[in-house]
Amino acid sequence: MESPGGTPKIAKSDQEWREQLSPAEYHVLREAGTEPAWTGEYTETRTRGVYHCRACGAELFSSGTKFQAHCGWPAFFSPLAGDRVILREDRSHGMVRTEVLCAACHSHLGHVFEGEGYPTPTDQRYCINSISLTFSPVED
């Protein structure tokens, strides 16, 4: 994977990532794969809390920005802060999309789409693979 936005704060060798992550996690996070739609553990989650990068633990998204996009993957209208993710042009699969990567370790999270008409403050849909995330609930 190329290194967008400079050197990652958390850098590991390919072998270290393979030892830390399951084969499915490695495929999505380090090889920019995609989990099948409607299979992820956070697709329908509505619990309050924070979503972290599964590879490095960085806080990425809040449940307060998660919405039901009915697209098969967790959808957020914004990251916790703009510096939490890196956006990069993705021309794979014969289309142009915007890839979303963790700013701390440069792992692939998913893609962001704009102008789809969702009733959110940003009109953006961060379509994120559940397998790229871990979740920490917060108590009321």
Protein backbone atom coordinates (compact mmCIF):
# COMPACT_ATOMS: atom_id res chain seq x y z
CA MET A 1 0.00 0.00 0.00
CA GLU A 2 1.41 3.41 -0.87
CA SER A 3 2.02 5.83 1.96
CA PRO A 4 -0.52 8.69 1.76
CA GLY A 5 -0.01 11.69 3.96
CA GLY A 6 3.62 10.87 4.83
CA THR A 7 4.89 8.19 7.15
CA PRO A 8 2.33 6.52 9.42
CA LYS A 9 2.68 7.20 13.15
CA ILE A 10 2.26 3.47 13.70
CA ALA A 11 4.45 1.56 11.26
CA LYS A 12 4.84 -2.22 11.25
CA SER A 13 6.31 -4.66 8.82
CA ASP A 14 4.04 -6.69 6.60
CA GLN A 15 4.90 -9.74 8.72
CA GLU A 16 3.99 -7.93 11.96
CA TRP A 17 0.58 -6.95 10.52
CA ARG A 18 0.00 -10.57 9.39
CA GLU A 19 0.79 -11.82 12.90
CA GLN A 20 -1.53 -9.27 14.54
CA LEU A 21 -4.53 -9.50 12.21
CA SER A 22 -6.67 -12.43 11.07
CA PRO A 23 -6.44 -13.22 7.34
CA ALA A 24 -9.81 -11.48 6.71
CA GLU A 25 -8.77 -8.40 8.74
CA TYR A 26 -5.43 -8.27 6.93
CA HIS A 27 -7.12 -8.48 3.53
CA VAL A 28 -9.37 -5.48 4.24
CA LEU A 29 -7.07 -3.33 6.38
CA ARG A 30 -3.74 -3.88 4.60
CA GLU A 31 -4.78 -4.94 1.08
CA ALA A 32 -7.76 -2.57 0.67
CA GLY A 33 -10.28 -5.40 0.44
CA THR A 34 -14.00 -5.17 1.18
CA GLU A 35 -16.06 -7.39 3.42
CA PRO A 36 -19.29 -8.70 1.88
CA ALA A 37 -22.33 -6.44 2.38
CA TRP A 38 -24.59 -7.15 5.37
CA THR A 39 -22.01 -9.43 7.06
CA GLY A 40 -20.23 -6.99 9.39
CA GLU A 41 -20.86 -6.91 13.11
CA TYR A 42 -21.47 -3.12 13.22
CA THR A 43 -23.75 -2.72 10.20
CA GLU A 44 -26.89 -2.32 12.31
CA THR A 45 -25.34 -1.31 15.66
CA ARG A 46 -27.08 1.59 17.37
CA THR A 47 -25.25 1.51 20.71
CA ARG A 48 -23.60 4.76 21.85
CA GLY A 49 -19.82 4.73 21.77
CA VAL A 50 -16.65 5.19 19.77
CA TYR A 51 -15.35 3.21 16.81
CA HIS A 52 -11.60 2.55 16.68
CA CYS A 53 -9.22 1.32 14.00
CA ARG A 54 -8.95 -2.45 14.44
CA ALA A 55 -5.29 -2.37 13.40
CA CYS A 56 -3.95 0.34 15.73
CA GLY A 57 -6.75 1.37 18.11
CA ALA A 58 -6.99 5.01 16.98
CA GLU A 59 -10.38 6.63 17.68
CA LEU A 60 -12.05 7.27 14.31
CA PHE A 61 -15.84 7.67 14.46
CA SER A 62 -18.54 8.38 17.03
CA SER A 63 -21.88 6.62 17.19
CA GLY A 64 -23.35 10.15 17.09
CA THR A 65 -22.37 10.43 13.42
CA LYS A 66 -23.50 6.91 12.47
CA PHE A 67 -26.69 6.66 10.43
CA GLN A 68 -28.78 4.01 8.74
CA ALA A 69 -27.82 4.21 5.07
CA HIS A 70 -29.15 0.70 4.30
CA CYS A 71 -26.06 0.07 2.16
CA GLY A 72 -24.75 -3.08 3.84
CA TRP A 73 -21.89 -1.45 5.77
CA PRO A 74 -21.70 0.94 8.73
CA ALA A 75 -22.19 4.53 7.54
CA PHE A 76 -21.03 7.72 9.22
CA PHE A 77 -21.45 11.31 8.07
CA SER A 78 -18.14 12.47 9.57
CA PRO A 79 -15.03 11.17 11.35
CA LEU A 80 -14.36 12.31 14.94
CA ALA A 81 -11.98 14.93 13.50
CA GLY A 82 -10.58 15.59 10.04
CA ASP A 83 -7.11 14.53 11.09
CA ARG A 84 -8.28 11.04 12.11
CA VAL A 85 -8.54 9.82 8.53
CA ILE A 86 -6.72 10.28 5.23
CA LEU A 87 -8.69 10.55 2.00
CA ARG A 88 -7.08 9.28 -1.20
CA GLU A 89 -8.28 8.89 -4.78
CA ASP A 90 -8.98 5.26 -5.64
CA ARG A 91 -9.21 4.33 -9.33
CA SER A 92 -9.47 0.56 -8.80
CA HIS A 93 -12.30 -1.55 -10.23
CA GLY A 94 -12.84 0.79 -13.19
CA MET A 95 -14.27 3.68 -11.17
CA VAL A 96 -13.13 6.75 -9.28
CA ARG A 97 -13.83 6.73 -5.55
CA THR A 98 -12.36 8.29 -2.44
CA GLU A 99 -10.65 5.78 -0.16
CA VAL A 100 -10.66 6.33 3.61
CA LEU A 101 -7.55 5.31 5.57
CA CYS A 102 -6.66 5.51 9.24
CA ALA A 103 -4.34 8.50 9.65
CA ALA A 104 -2.34 6.76 12.38
CA CYS A 105 -1.45 3.48 10.62
CA HIS A 106 -2.66 4.03 7.03
CA SER A 107 -4.92 0.98 7.13
CA HIS A 108 -7.83 0.83 4.67
CA LEU A 109 -11.21 1.52 6.28
CA GLY A 110 -13.58 1.94 3.33
CA HIS A 111 -14.70 4.77 1.05
CA VAL A 112 -16.50 8.09 1.38
CA PHE A 113 -19.24 9.20 -1.01
CA GLU A 114 -20.80 12.65 -1.44
CA GLY A 115 -24.00 14.02 -2.88
CA GLU A 116 -26.15 10.93 -2.41
CA GLY A 117 -28.95 12.91 -0.77
CA TYR A 118 -28.86 11.43 2.74
CA PRO A 119 -30.38 13.83 5.29
CA THR A 120 -27.13 14.37 7.19
CA PRO A 121 -25.25 17.59 8.02
CA THR A 122 -22.41 16.81 5.58
CA ASP A 123 -24.18 14.97 2.72
CA GLN A 124 -21.33 12.46 3.00
CA ARG A 125 -21.42 8.71 3.63
CA TYR A 126 -18.29 7.22 5.10
CA CYS A 127 -18.95 3.61 4.11
CA ILE A 128 -16.66 1.69 6.47
CA ASN A 129 -15.98 -2.03 6.72
CA SER A 130 -17.00 -3.41 10.14
CA ILE A 131 -13.92 -5.62 10.09
CA SER A 132 -11.79 -2.45 10.03
CA LEU A 133 -13.26 -1.31 13.34
CA THR A 134 -13.58 -2.18 17.00
CA PHE A 135 -16.24 -0.57 19.18
CA SER A 136 -16.14 0.81 22.73
CA PRO A 137 -19.61 1.49 24.15
CA VAL A 138 -20.16 4.42 26.50
CA GLU A 139 -22.55 4.30 29.40
CA ASP A 140 -25.46 6.73 29.62
